[in-house]
C-alpha atoms as a PDB file:
ATOM      1  CA  UNK A   1     -30.381 142.086  93.724  1.00  0.00           C
ATOM      2  CA  UNK A   2     -28.748 144.053  96.511  1.00  0.00           C
ATOM      3  CA  UNK A   3     -27.940 146.826  96.529  1.00  0.00           C
ATOM      4  CA  UNK A   4     -26.266 149.932  97.628  1.00  0.00           C
ATOM      5  CA  UNK A   5     -22.519 149.853  97.088  1.00  0.00           C
ATOM      6  CA  UNK A   6     -20.366 150.383 100.148  1.00  0.00           C
ATOM      7  CA  UNK A   7     -16.658 150.122 100.826  1.00  0.00           C
ATOM      8  CA  UNK A   8     -15.394 148.074 103.754  1.00  0.00           C
ATOM      9  CA  UNK A   9     -12.064 148.569 105.452  1.00  0.00           C
ATOM     10  CA  UNK A  10      -9.712 145.643 105.126  1.00  0.00           C
ATOM     11  CA  UNK A  11      -9.402 144.057 108.591  1.00  0.00           C
ATOM     12  CA  UNK A  12      -6.311 144.801 110.619  1.00  0.00           C
ATOM     13  CA  UNK A  13      -6.643 141.357 112.147  1.00  0.00           C
ATOM     14  CA  UNK A  14      -5.314 139.082 109.434  1.00  0.00           C
ATOM     15  CA  UNK A  15      -6.979 135.858 110.614  1.00  0.00           C
ATOM     16  CA  UNK A  16      -8.874 133.879 107.988  1.00  0.00           C
ATOM     17  CA  UNK A  17     -12.305 134.526 109.489  1.00  0.00           C
ATOM     18  CA  UNK A  18     -11.856 138.298 109.371  1.00  0.00           C
ATOM     19  CA  UNK A  19     -10.636 138.110 105.779  1.00  0.00           C
ATOM     20  CA  UNK A  20     -13.629 135.999 104.835  1.00  0.00           C
ATOM     21  CA  UNK A  21     -16.131 138.419 106.372  1.00  0.00           C
ATOM     22  CA  UNK A  22     -14.340 141.288 104.615  1.00  0.00           C
ATOM     23  CA  UNK A  23     -14.685 139.518 101.259  1.00  0.00           C
ATOM     24  CA  UNK A  24     -18.322 138.605 101.818  1.00  0.00           C
ATOM     25  CA  UNK A  25     -19.323 142.068 103.029  1.00  0.00           C
ATOM     26  CA  UNK A  26     -17.798 143.692  99.971  1.00  0.00           C
ATOM     27  CA  UNK A  27     -19.370 141.240  97.538  1.00  0.00           C
ATOM     28  CA  UNK A  28     -22.781 141.621  99.164  1.00  0.00           C
ATOM     29  CA  UNK A  29     -22.430 145.417  98.872  1.00  0.00           C
ATOM     30  CA  UNK A  30     -22.038 145.140  95.109  1.00  0.00           C
ATOM     31  CA  UNK A  31     -18.295 145.116  94.584  1.00  0.00           C
ATOM     32  CA  UNK A  32     -17.047 142.655  91.979  1.00  0.00           C
ATOM     33  CA  UNK A  33     -14.346 140.039  92.608  1.00  0.00           C
ATOM     34  CA  UNK A  34     -12.171 141.841  90.072  1.00  0.00           C
ATOM     35  CA  UNK A  35     -12.463 145.120  91.988  1.00  0.00           C
ATOM     36  CA  UNK A  36     -11.540 143.411  95.248  1.00  0.00           C
ATOM     37  CA  UNK A  37      -8.536 141.692  93.719  1.00  0.00           C
ATOM     38  CA  UNK A  38      -7.307 144.929  92.120  1.00  0.00           C
ATOM     39  CA  UNK A  39      -7.480 146.820  95.419  1.00  0.00           C
ATOM     40  CA  UNK A  40      -6.309 144.145  97.863  1.00  0.00           C
ATOM     41  CA  UNK A  41      -2.995 142.402  97.381  1.00  0.00           C
ATOM     42  CA  UNK A  42      -3.082 138.726  98.226  1.00  0.00           C
ATOM     43  CA  UNK A  43      -6.637 138.169  97.065  1.00  0.00           C
ATOM     44  CA  UNK A  44      -7.380 135.955  94.065  1.00  0.00           C
ATOM     45  CA  UNK A  45     -10.413 134.400  92.407  1.00  0.00           C
ATOM     46  CA  UNK A  46      -9.465 131.076  93.982  1.00  0.00           C
ATOM     47  CA  UNK A  47      -9.510 132.612  97.467  1.00  0.00           C
ATOM     48  CA  UNK A  48     -12.854 134.276  96.829  1.00  0.00           C
ATOM     49  CA  UNK A  49     -14.419 131.065  95.503  1.00  0.00           C
ATOM     50  CA  UNK A  50     -12.999 129.099  98.432  1.00  0.00           C
ATOM     51  CA  UNK A  51     -14.543 131.620 100.819  1.00  0.00           C
ATOM     52  CA  UNK A  52     -17.954 131.243  99.182  1.00  0.00           C
ATOM     53  CA  UNK A  53     -17.663 127.455  99.367  1.00  0.00           C
ATOM     54  CA  UNK A  54     -16.777 127.616 103.050  1.00  0.00           C
ATOM     55  CA  UNK A  55     -19.822 129.759 103.758  1.00  0.00           C
ATOM     56  CA  UNK A  56     -22.123 127.081 102.380  1.00  0.00           C
ATOM     57  CA  UNK A  57     -20.282 124.361 104.281  1.00  0.00           C
ATOM     58  CA  UNK A  58     -20.676 126.272 107.538  1.00  0.00           C
ATOM     59  CA  UNK A  59     -24.356 126.904 106.862  1.00  0.00           C
ATOM     60  CA  UNK A  60     -24.726 123.128 107.011  1.00  0.00           C
ATOM     61  CA  UNK A  61     -22.561 122.683 110.116  1.00  0.00           C
ATOM     62  CA  UNK A  62     -24.792 123.197 113.138  1.00  0.00           C
ATOM     63  CA  UNK A  63     -21.946 122.225 115.481  1.00  0.00           C
ATOM     64  CA  UNK A  64     -19.607 125.038 114.451  1.00  0.00           C
ATOM     65  CA  UNK A  65     -19.690 127.812 117.031  1.00  0.00           C
ATOM     66  CA  UNK A  66     -16.471 129.581 116.036  1.00  0.00           C
ATOM     67  CA  UNK A  67     -16.330 133.275 115.233  1.00  0.00           C
ATOM     68  CA  UNK A  68     -17.189 132.804 111.579  1.00  0.00           C
ATOM     69  CA  UNK A  69     -20.489 130.913 111.572  1.00  0.00           C
ATOM     70  CA  UNK A  70     -22.402 132.976 114.183  1.00  0.00           C
ATOM     71  CA  UNK A  71     -21.413 136.136 112.308  1.00  0.00           C
ATOM     72  CA  UNK A  72     -22.627 134.900 108.941  1.00  0.00           C
ATOM     73  CA  UNK A  73     -25.637 136.783 107.668  1.00  0.00           C
ATOM     74  CA  UNK A  74     -28.218 135.935 105.048  1.00  0.00           C
ATOM     75  CA  UNK A  75     -26.530 138.383 102.661  1.00  0.00           C
ATOM     76  CA  UNK A  76     -23.379 136.260 102.867  1.00  0.00           C
ATOM     77  CA  UNK A  77     -25.350 133.172 101.834  1.00  0.00           C
ATOM     78  CA  UNK A  78     -26.843 135.135  98.935  1.00  0.00           C
ATOM     79  CA  UNK A  79     -23.338 135.939  97.689  1.00  0.00           C
ATOM     80  CA  UNK A  80     -22.114 132.377  98.191  1.00  0.00           C
ATOM     81  CA  UNK A  81     -25.037 130.924  96.224  1.00  0.00           C
ATOM     82  CA  UNK A  82     -24.466 133.077  93.130  1.00  0.00           C
ATOM     83  CA  UNK A  83     -25.205 132.605  90.336  1.00  0.00           C
ATOM     84  CA  UNK A  84     -28.647 131.443  91.408  1.00  0.00           C
ATOM     85  CA  UNK A  85     -31.848 132.531  89.614  1.00  0.00           C
ATOM     86  CA  UNK A  86     -34.284 131.626  92.404  1.00  0.00           C
ATOM     87  CA  UNK A  87     -32.262 133.442  95.062  1.00  0.00           C
ATOM     88  CA  UNK A  88     -32.274 136.526  92.849  1.00  0.00           C
ATOM     89  CA  UNK A  89     -36.044 136.289  92.351  1.00  0.00           C
ATOM     90  CA  UNK A  90     -36.502 136.167  96.135  1.00  0.00           C
ATOM     91  CA  UNK A  91     -34.166 139.121  96.693  1.00  0.00           C
ATOM     92  CA  UNK A  92     -35.898 141.256  94.092  1.00  0.00           C
ATOM     93  CA  UNK A  93     -39.379 140.445  95.392  1.00  0.00           C
ATOM     94  CA  UNK A  94     -38.602 141.238  99.024  1.00  0.00           C
ATOM     95  CA  UNK A  95     -36.194 144.132  98.525  1.00  0.00           C
ATOM     96  CA  UNK A  96     -36.737 146.884 101.075  1.00  0.00           C
ATOM     97  CA  UNK A  97     -39.097 144.886 103.321  1.00  0.00           C
ATOM     98  CA  UNK A  98     -38.786 145.812 107.007  1.00  0.00           C
ATOM     99  CA  UNK A  99     -40.082 144.100 110.105  1.00  0.00           C
ATOM    100  CA  UNK A 100     -42.210 147.043 111.195  1.00  0.00           C
ATOM    101  CA  UNK A 101     -44.423 146.194 114.154  1.00  0.00           C
ATOM    102  CA  UNK A 102     -43.963 142.450 113.751  1.00  0.00           C
ATOM    103  CA  UNK A 103     -42.329 140.405 116.536  1.00  0.00           C
ATOM    104  CA  UNK A 104     -38.594 139.842 116.236  1.00  0.00           C
ATOM    105  CA  UNK A 105     -36.705 136.569 116.640  1.00  0.00           C
ATOM    106  CA  UNK A 106     -35.965 137.161 120.315  1.00  0.00           C
ATOM    107  CA  UNK A 107     -39.494 138.290 121.011  1.00  0.00           C
ATOM    108  CA  UNK A 108     -40.921 135.168 119.404  1.00  0.00           C
ATOM    109  CA  UNK A 109     -38.717 133.040 121.645  1.00  0.00           C
ATOM    110  CA  UNK A 110     -40.155 134.793 124.706  1.00  0.00           C
ATOM    111  CA  UNK A 111     -43.667 134.268 123.334  1.00  0.00           C
ATOM    112  CA  UNK A 112     -42.966 130.549 122.998  1.00  0.00           C
ATOM    113  CA  UNK A 113     -41.632 130.505 126.559  1.00  0.00           C
ATOM    114  CA  UNK A 114     -44.781 132.017 128.104  1.00  0.00           C
ATOM    115  CA  UNK A 115     -43.275 135.478 128.590  1.00  0.00           C
ATOM    116  CA  UNK A 116     -39.927 134.351 129.975  1.00  0.00           C
ATOM    117  CA  UNK A 117     -36.451 134.854 128.576  1.00  0.00           C
ATOM    118  CA  UNK A 118     -34.165 131.844 127.952  1.00  0.00           C
ATOM    119  CA  UNK A 119     -32.952 131.983 131.577  1.00  0.00           C
ATOM    120  CA  UNK A 120     -36.525 131.608 132.841  1.00  0.00           C
ATOM    121  CA  UNK A 121     -36.945 135.220 133.965  1.00  0.00           C
ATOM    122  CA  UNK A 122     -40.384 136.745 133.363  1.00  0.00           C
ATOM    123  CA  UNK A 123     -40.182 139.888 131.265  1.00  0.00           C
ATOM    124  CA  UNK A 124     -42.212 143.037 131.726  1.00  0.00           C
ATOM    125  CA  UNK A 125     -43.884 144.538 128.686  1.00  0.00           C
ATOM    126  CA  UNK A 126     -41.168 147.208 128.577  1.00  0.00           C
ATOM    127  CA  UNK A 127     -38.398 144.606 128.685  1.00  0.00           C
ATOM    128  CA  UNK A 128     -40.177 142.541 126.048  1.00  0.00           C
ATOM    129  CA  UNK A 129     -40.341 145.529 123.724  1.00  0.00           C
ATOM    130  CA  UNK A 130     -36.712 146.380 124.505  1.00  0.00           C
ATOM    131  CA  UNK A 131     -35.262 143.053 123.353  1.00  0.00           C
ATOM    132  CA  UNK A 132     -36.376 143.845 119.828  1.00  0.00           C
ATOM    133  CA  UNK A 133     -33.464 146.300 119.670  1.00  0.00           C
ATOM    134  CA  UNK A 134     -31.099 143.318 119.768  1.00  0.00           C
ATOM    135  CA  UNK A 135     -32.514 141.950 116.509  1.00  0.00           C
ATOM    136  CA  UNK A 136     -32.086 143.103 112.932  1.00  0.00           C
ATOM    137  CA  UNK A 137     -35.369 144.714 111.893  1.00  0.00           C
ATOM    138  CA  UNK A 138     -34.519 146.908 108.876  1.00  0.00           C
ATOM    139  CA  UNK A 139     -32.874 144.495 106.423  1.00  0.00           C
ATOM    140  CA  UNK A 140     -33.793 140.827 106.331  1.00  0.00           C
ATOM    141  CA  UNK A 141     -30.576 140.174 104.385  1.00  0.00           C
ATOM    142  CA  UNK A 142     -28.645 141.287 107.486  1.00  0.00           C
ATOM    143  CA  UNK A 143     -30.238 138.740 109.831  1.00  0.00           C
ATOM    144  CA  UNK A 144     -27.588 136.466 111.359  1.00  0.00           C
ATOM    145  CA  UNK A 145     -27.977 132.764 110.650  1.00  0.00           C
ATOM    146  CA  UNK A 146     -26.788 132.129 114.214  1.00  0.00           C
ATOM    147  CA  UNK A 147     -29.801 134.066 115.500  1.00  0.00           C
ATOM    148  CA  UNK A 148     -32.094 132.076 113.221  1.00  0.00           C
ATOM    149  CA  UNK A 149     -30.666 128.885 114.710  1.00  0.00           C
ATOM    150  CA  UNK A 150     -31.136 129.954 118.334  1.00  0.00           C
ATOM    151  CA  UNK A 151     -34.344 131.986 118.081  1.00  0.00           C
ATOM    152  CA  UNK A 152     -36.308 129.800 115.715  1.00  0.00           C
ATOM    153  CA  UNK A 153     -39.936 130.026 116.846  1.00  0.00           C
ATOM    154  CA  UNK A 154     -41.122 131.105 113.435  1.00  0.00           C
ATOM    155  CA  UNK A 155     -44.705 130.002 114.082  1.00  0.00           C
ATOM    156  CA  UNK A 156     -45.170 133.041 116.360  1.00  0.00           C
ATOM    157  CA  UNK A 157     -44.855 135.437 113.430  1.00  0.00           C
ATOM    158  CA  UNK A 158     -47.627 137.815 112.555  1.00  0.00           C
ATOM    159  CA  UNK A 159     -48.176 138.890 108.938  1.00  0.00           C
ATOM    160  CA  UNK A 160     -45.446 141.560 109.099  1.00  0.00           C
ATOM    161  CA  UNK A 161     -43.007 139.149 110.717  1.00  0.00           C
ATOM    162  CA  UNK A 162     -43.714 136.480 108.116  1.00  0.00           C
ATOM    163  CA  UNK A 163     -43.136 138.916 105.261  1.00  0.00           C
ATOM    164  CA  UNK A 164     -39.813 139.974 106.810  1.00  0.00           C
ATOM    165  CA  UNK A 165     -38.435 136.578 107.781  1.00  0.00           C
ATOM    166  CA  UNK A 166     -39.749 134.320 105.009  1.00  0.00           C
ATOM    167  CA  UNK A 167     -37.150 135.391 102.377  1.00  0.00           C
ATOM    168  CA  UNK A 168     -34.378 134.755 104.906  1.00  0.00           C
ATOM    169  CA  UNK A 169     -35.839 131.312 105.677  1.00  0.00           C
ATOM    170  CA  UNK A 170     -36.128 130.438 101.988  1.00  0.00           C
ATOM    171  CA  UNK A 171     -32.521 131.359 101.258  1.00  0.00           C
ATOM    172  CA  UNK A 172     -31.221 129.663 104.401  1.00  0.00           C
ATOM    173  CA  UNK A 173     -33.014 126.464 103.427  1.00  0.00           C
ATOM    174  CA  UNK A 174     -31.661 126.634  99.868  1.00  0.00           C
ATOM    175  CA  UNK A 175     -28.139 126.998 101.262  1.00  0.00           C
ATOM    176  CA  UNK A 176     -28.646 123.983 103.542  1.00  0.00           C
ATOM    177  CA  UNK A 177     -30.696 121.816 101.158  1.00  0.00           C
ATOM    178  CA  UNK A 178     -32.966 121.371 104.161  1.00  0.00           C
ATOM    179  CA  UNK A 179     -36.502 122.511 103.526  1.00  0.00           C
ATOM    180  CA  UNK A 180     -37.965 122.903 106.993  1.00  0.00           C
ATOM    181  CA  UNK A 181     -39.777 126.000 105.769  1.00  0.00           C
ATOM    182  CA  UNK A 182     -42.295 123.798 103.933  1.00  0.00           C
ATOM    183  CA  UNK A 183     -44.488 123.461 107.035  1.00  0.00           C
ATOM    184  CA  UNK A 184     -45.190 127.196 106.865  1.00  0.00           C
ATOM    185  CA  UNK A 185     -46.068 127.169 103.172  1.00  0.00           C
ATOM    186  CA  UNK A 186     -48.994 124.730 103.131  1.00  0.00           C
ATOM    187  CA  UNK A 187     -52.295 125.915 104.612  1.00  0.00           C
ATOM    188  CA  UNK A 188     -53.576 122.342 104.607  1.00  0.00           C
ATOM    189  CA  UNK A 189     -50.596 121.020 106.515  1.00  0.00           C
ATOM    190  CA  UNK A 190     -50.419 123.796 109.107  1.00  0.00           C
ATOM    191  CA  UNK A 191     -53.241 125.766 110.664  1.00  0.00           C
ATOM    192  CA  UNK A 192     -55.129 127.089 107.655  1.00  0.00           C
ATOM    193  CA  UNK A 193     -56.391 130.343 109.130  1.00  0.00           C
ATOM    194  CA  UNK A 194     -52.959 131.148 110.566  1.00  0.00           C
ATOM    195  CA  UNK A 195     -51.180 130.431 107.286  1.00  0.00           C
ATOM    196  CA  UNK A 196     -53.570 132.588 105.297  1.00  0.00           C
ATOM    197  CA  UNK A 197     -53.044 135.371 107.845  1.00  0.00           C
ATOM    198  CA  UNK A 198     -49.265 135.073 107.389  1.00  0.00           C
ATOM    199  CA  UNK A 199     -49.643 135.385 103.614  1.00  0.00           C
ATOM    200  CA  UNK A 200     -52.058 138.311 103.783  1.00  0.00           C
ATOM    201  CA  UNK A 201     -49.452 141.088 103.400  1.00  0.00           C
ATOM    202  CA  UNK A 202     -47.507 139.443 100.580  1.00  0.00           C
ATOM    203  CA  UNK A 203     -47.887 141.104  97.203  1.00  0.00           C
ATOM    204  CA  UNK A 204     -48.161 139.118  93.975  1.00  0.00           C
ATOM    205  CA  UNK A 205     -44.439 139.415  93.212  1.00  0.00           C
ATOM    206  CA  UNK A 206     -43.578 137.992  96.623  1.00  0.00           C
ATOM    207  CA  UNK A 207     -46.098 135.179  96.231  1.00  0.00           C
ATOM    208  CA  UNK A 208     -44.629 134.452  92.806  1.00  0.00           C
ATOM    209  CA  UNK A 209     -41.155 134.231  94.361  1.00  0.00           C
ATOM    210  CA  UNK A 210     -42.358 131.614  96.853  1.00  0.00           C
ATOM    211  CA  UNK A 211     -44.096 129.686  94.067  1.00  0.00           C
ATOM    212  CA  UNK A 212     -40.826 129.685  92.105  1.00  0.00           C
ATOM    213  CA  UNK A 213     -38.989 128.486  95.210  1.00  0.00           C
ATOM    214  CA  UNK A 214     -41.331 125.480  95.411  1.00  0.00           C
ATOM    215  CA  UNK A 215     -40.835 124.681  91.735  1.00  0.00           C
ATOM    216  CA  UNK A 216     -37.072 124.911  92.193  1.00  0.00           C
ATOM    217  CA  UNK A 217     -36.864 122.603  95.195  1.00  0.00           C
ATOM    218  CA  UNK A 218     -39.204 120.095  93.539  1.00  0.00           C
ATOM    219  CA  UNK A 219     -36.370 119.410  91.068  1.00  0.00           C
ATOM    220  CA  UNK A 220     -33.672 119.243  93.746  1.00  0.00           C
ATOM    221  CA  UNK A 221     -32.511 115.699  94.484  1.00  0.00           C
ATOM    222  CA  UNK A 222     -31.883 116.689  98.089  1.00  0.00           C
ATOM    223  CA  UNK A 223     -35.589 117.359  98.538  1.00  0.00           C
ATOM    224  CA  UNK A 224     -36.726 114.022  97.106  1.00  0.00           C
ATOM    225  CA  UNK A 225     -38.177 112.852 100.409  1.00  0.00           C
ATOM    226  CA  UNK A 226     -40.282 116.005 100.652  1.00  0.00           C
ATOM    227  CA  UNK A 227     -41.871 115.789  97.202  1.00  0.00           C
ATOM    228  CA  UNK A 228     -45.378 115.173  98.582  1.00  0.00           C
ATOM    229  CA  UNK A 229     -45.107 118.161 100.934  1.00  0.00           C
ATOM    230  CA  UNK A 230     -43.841 120.375  98.105  1.00  0.00           C
ATOM    231  CA  UNK A 231     -46.668 119.303  95.785  1.00  0.00           C
ATOM    232  CA  UNK A 232     -49.243 119.823  98.530  1.00  0.00           C
ATOM    233  CA  UNK A 233     -48.068 123.374  99.301  1.00  0.00           C
ATOM    234  CA  UNK A 234     -47.928 124.232  95.605  1.00  0.00           C
ATOM    235  CA  UNK A 235     -51.351 122.863  94.751  1.00  0.00           C
ATOM    236  CA  UNK A 236     -53.102 124.170  97.873  1.00  0.00           C
ATOM    237  CA  UNK A 237     -52.041 127.793  97.456  1.00  0.00           C
ATOM    238  CA  UNK A 238     -48.989 128.896  95.482  1.00  0.00           C
ATOM    239  CA  UNK A 239     -49.558 127.550  91.955  1.00  0.00           C
ATOM    240  CA  UNK A 240     -51.990 130.366  91.178  1.00  0.00           C
ATOM    241  CA  UNK A 241     -49.142 132.885  91.498  1.00  0.00           C
ATOM    242  CA  UNK A 242     -46.846 131.501  88.813  1.00  0.00           C
END
């Protein structure tokens, strides 16, 4: 699991959203609830657990556009889902993965839009390369769920992009109990050659993590309607990596 321990400054702005982000950032950096409570008056285990619960509620609320939800990152969902063995398997398998030369979320949106930005303006190659700076490319755990909602053209990934974004997609779908990622995990359901290209840079540990994800969601009541899709993905590719 993550990670390098860091200290975060308690927010001067005492609104609930700022407090929540402060709590989540510290937990995701490796600080324990007990450490936070000891060093910050007014915090309690109940407040911390309520914050984690709210994170998962907001991950399922596509209508919320307040400060809090757009600033939630995958690392915050990881914290909110703990303890969770499958999430930890995913985190361990993909630790340290970077985007590299793969297209970013904003770039994939332009690719879907025939080289135009969301306003309809055609982008030069230089501008296209420049928008990558607006996206998180070094830590997939730091990707904002708001960006994943808006810039969601995942099918334009290359192999590097798939390796970077797939752990974020898996964890986001676990948090939402909404397994849209399944389309990308079954070579027989999608475009076979494209899917196999996406998987080409995954190592065996990463493939094992995805296989474990499929086993996990196959037992989740929320995924009952997707059982055939889960079984198809598992049998067509991932079962060999358990």
